[in-house]
Amino acid sequence: MKYEKIPSKYQVGGQEMEVRMVERCDDNMIGSCLVASGYIEIAEKHSKDYNQSETSKVNTFYHELTHSILRTMGETELNDNEKFVCTFSSFLTEAMKNAYFREEE
């Protein structure tokens, strides 16, 4: 069984993080991460009222998850390196979307 869902919550470094699906993020971004506030946001719409696709939302989740991990680790330089975050999170997205899980009986 493949697993392709976005969780509603997760924990990073002992802190609970809520995943919020919102109409829009600030500055028309497709996602944002606020570790100190305990949530990430994933936008339904961006730019000129374009809808974010479902696969893009999954990628955005893993991108913001990566930011939350790096921020919690205090890795400011890596966290601010969008090339690193985009590349790492795209590999993570691919690995998780193509992972198979045993169905529980």
C-alpha atoms as a PDB file:
ATOM      1  CA  MET A   1       0.000   0.000   0.000  1.00  0.00           C
ATOM      2  CA  LYS A   2       1.368   3.423  -0.944  1.00  0.00           C
ATOM      3  CA  TYR A   3       1.089   6.317   1.482  1.00  0.00           C
ATOM      4  CA  GLU A   4       0.247   9.679  -0.081  1.00  0.00           C
ATOM      5  CA  LYS A   5      -1.413  11.661   2.686  1.00  0.00           C
ATOM      6  CA  ILE A   6      -0.496  14.927   4.357  1.00  0.00           C
ATOM      7  CA  PRO A   7      -0.753  14.611   8.141  1.00  0.00           C
ATOM      8  CA  SER A   8      -2.776  17.067  10.202  1.00  0.00           C
ATOM      9  CA  LYS A   9      -0.062  17.129  12.903  1.00  0.00           C
ATOM     10  CA  TYR A  10       3.473  15.912  13.491  1.00  0.00           C
ATOM     11  CA  GLN A  11       6.196  16.423  16.085  1.00  0.00           C
ATOM     12  CA  VAL A  12       9.672  17.808  15.603  1.00  0.00           C
ATOM     13  CA  GLY A  13      12.118  18.053  18.494  1.00  0.00           C
ATOM     14  CA  GLY A  14       9.333  17.373  20.988  1.00  0.00           C
ATOM     15  CA  GLN A  15       7.142  20.183  19.653  1.00  0.00           C
ATOM     16  CA  GLU A  16       3.787  19.483  18.098  1.00  0.00           C
ATOM     17  CA  MET A  17       3.318  21.082  14.694  1.00  0.00           C
ATOM     18  CA  GLU A  18      -0.136  21.577  13.191  1.00  0.00           C
ATOM     19  CA  VAL A  19      -0.546  21.392   9.414  1.00  0.00           C
ATOM     20  CA  ARG A  20      -3.041  23.995   8.238  1.00  0.00           C
ATOM     21  CA  MET A  21      -4.598  24.095   4.791  1.00  0.00           C
ATOM     22  CA  VAL A  22      -5.297  27.765   4.118  1.00  0.00           C
ATOM     23  CA  GLU A  23      -6.772  29.729   1.231  1.00  0.00           C
ATOM     24  CA  ARG A  24      -3.571  31.790   0.892  1.00  0.00           C
ATOM     25  CA  CYS A  25      -0.228  32.224   2.609  1.00  0.00           C
ATOM     26  CA  ASP A  26       1.433  35.594   3.134  1.00  0.00           C
ATOM     27  CA  ASP A  27       3.078  37.039   0.006  1.00  0.00           C
ATOM     28  CA  ASN A  28       1.204  34.465  -2.147  1.00  0.00           C
ATOM     29  CA  MET A  29       3.685  31.770  -1.142  1.00  0.00           C
ATOM     30  CA  ILE A  30       2.601  28.143  -1.536  1.00  0.00           C
ATOM     31  CA  GLY A  31       3.638  27.290   2.026  1.00  0.00           C
ATOM     32  CA  SER A  32       5.098  28.699   5.216  1.00  0.00           C
ATOM     33  CA  CYS A  33       6.619  27.404   8.442  1.00  0.00           C
ATOM     34  CA  LEU A  34       6.306  29.004  11.877  1.00  0.00           C
ATOM     35  CA  VAL A  35       8.045  26.675  14.328  1.00  0.00           C
ATOM     36  CA  ALA A  36       7.735  28.997  17.337  1.00  0.00           C
ATOM     37  CA  SER A  37       3.976  29.200  16.720  1.00  0.00           C
ATOM     38  CA  GLY A  38       3.715  25.438  16.154  1.00  0.00           C
ATOM     39  CA  TYR A  39       2.319  25.237  12.630  1.00  0.00           C
ATOM     40  CA  ILE A  40       2.954  25.121   8.928  1.00  0.00           C
ATOM     41  CA  GLU A  41       0.556  26.391   6.295  1.00  0.00           C
ATOM     42  CA  ILE A  42      -0.117  24.987   2.842  1.00  0.00           C
ATOM     43  CA  ALA A  43      -1.937  27.291   0.443  1.00  0.00           C
ATOM     44  CA  GLU A  44      -4.844  26.312  -1.768  1.00  0.00           C
ATOM     45  CA  LYS A  45      -4.175  29.304  -4.038  1.00  0.00           C
ATOM     46  CA  HIS A  46      -1.107  31.283  -5.042  1.00  0.00           C
ATOM     47  CA  SER A  47      -0.035  34.083  -7.363  1.00  0.00           C
ATOM     48  CA  LYS A  48      -2.938  35.201  -9.574  1.00  0.00           C
ATOM     49  CA  ASP A  49      -5.551  32.880  -8.027  1.00  0.00           C
ATOM     50  CA  TYR A  50      -3.893  29.733  -9.365  1.00  0.00           C
ATOM     51  CA  ASN A  51      -4.841  26.547  -7.503  1.00  0.00           C
ATOM     52  CA  GLN A  52      -1.987  24.515  -6.067  1.00  0.00           C
ATOM     53  CA  SER A  53      -2.208  20.925  -7.339  1.00  0.00           C
ATOM     54  CA  GLU A  54      -2.521  18.029  -4.903  1.00  0.00           C
ATOM     55  CA  THR A  55       0.955  16.735  -5.782  1.00  0.00           C
ATOM     56  CA  SER A  56       2.374  20.223  -5.264  1.00  0.00           C
ATOM     57  CA  LYS A  57       0.702  20.351  -1.827  1.00  0.00           C
ATOM     58  CA  VAL A  58       2.440  17.097  -0.856  1.00  0.00           C
ATOM     59  CA  ASN A  59       5.780  18.506  -2.045  1.00  0.00           C
ATOM     60  CA  THR A  60       5.068  21.733  -0.151  1.00  0.00           C
ATOM     61  CA  PHE A  61       4.375  19.734   3.020  1.00  0.00           C
ATOM     62  CA  TYR A  62       7.767  17.995   2.847  1.00  0.00           C
ATOM     63  CA  HIS A  63       9.453  21.319   2.002  1.00  0.00           C
ATOM     64  CA  GLU A  64       7.977  22.976   5.101  1.00  0.00           C
ATOM     65  CA  LEU A  65       8.692  19.857   7.191  1.00  0.00           C
ATOM     66  CA  THR A  66      12.342  20.192   6.156  1.00  0.00           C
ATOM     67  CA  HIS A  67      12.321  23.860   7.221  1.00  0.00           C
ATOM     68  CA  SER A  68      10.823  22.917  10.597  1.00  0.00           C
ATOM     69  CA  ILE A  69      13.517  20.296  11.202  1.00  0.00           C
ATOM     70  CA  LEU A  70      16.355  22.614  10.201  1.00  0.00           C
ATOM     71  CA  ARG A  71      14.995  25.480  12.319  1.00  0.00           C
ATOM     72  CA  THR A  72      14.631  23.173  15.315  1.00  0.00           C
ATOM     73  CA  MET A  73      18.220  21.996  14.814  1.00  0.00           C
ATOM     74  CA  GLY A  74      19.405  25.605  14.751  1.00  0.00           C
ATOM     75  CA  GLU A  75      20.751  25.110  11.223  1.00  0.00           C
ATOM     76  CA  THR A  76      20.112  28.677  10.089  1.00  0.00           C
ATOM     77  CA  GLU A  77      22.495  28.567   7.123  1.00  0.00           C
ATOM     78  CA  LEU A  78      20.963  25.380   5.682  1.00  0.00           C
ATOM     79  CA  ASN A  79      17.447  26.561   6.484  1.00  0.00           C
ATOM     80  CA  ASP A  80      18.024  29.791   4.545  1.00  0.00           C
ATOM     81  CA  ASN A  81      19.501  27.890   1.582  1.00  0.00           C
ATOM     82  CA  GLU A  82      16.369  27.373  -0.539  1.00  0.00           C
ATOM     83  CA  LYS A  83      18.316  25.366  -3.131  1.00  0.00           C
ATOM     84  CA  PHE A  84      19.261  22.856  -0.412  1.00  0.00           C
ATOM     85  CA  VAL A  85      15.749  22.780   1.108  1.00  0.00           C
ATOM     86  CA  CYS A  86      14.076  22.352  -2.305  1.00  0.00           C
ATOM     87  CA  THR A  87      16.453  19.594  -3.385  1.00  0.00           C
ATOM     88  CA  PHE A  88      16.388  17.702  -0.074  1.00  0.00           C
ATOM     89  CA  SER A  89      12.605  17.942   0.282  1.00  0.00           C
ATOM     90  CA  SER A  90      12.012  16.818  -3.323  1.00  0.00           C
ATOM     91  CA  PHE A  91      14.084  13.680  -2.673  1.00  0.00           C
ATOM     92  CA  LEU A  92      12.187  13.133   0.594  1.00  0.00           C
ATOM     93  CA  THR A  93       8.848  13.600  -1.197  1.00  0.00           C
ATOM     94  CA  GLU A  94       9.830  11.103  -3.876  1.00  0.00           C
ATOM     95  CA  ALA A  95      11.011   8.540  -1.329  1.00  0.00           C
ATOM     96  CA  MET A  96       7.841   8.801   0.758  1.00  0.00           C
ATOM     97  CA  LYS A  97       5.429   8.857  -2.192  1.00  0.00           C
ATOM     98  CA  ASN A  98       7.044   5.736  -3.641  1.00  0.00           C
ATOM     99  CA  ALA A  99       7.368   3.893  -0.334  1.00  0.00           C
ATOM    100  CA  TYR A 100       5.137   0.891   0.241  1.00  0.00           C
ATOM    101  CA  PHE A 101       3.646   0.063   3.613  1.00  0.00           C
ATOM    102  CA  ARG A 102       2.235  -3.248   4.771  1.00  0.00           C
ATOM    103  CA  GLU A 103      -1.479  -3.202   5.260  1.00  0.00           C
ATOM    104  CA  GLU A 104      -2.407  -4.063   8.806  1.00  0.00           C
ATOM    105  CA  GLU A 105      -4.629  -7.085   9.142  1.00  0.00           C
END
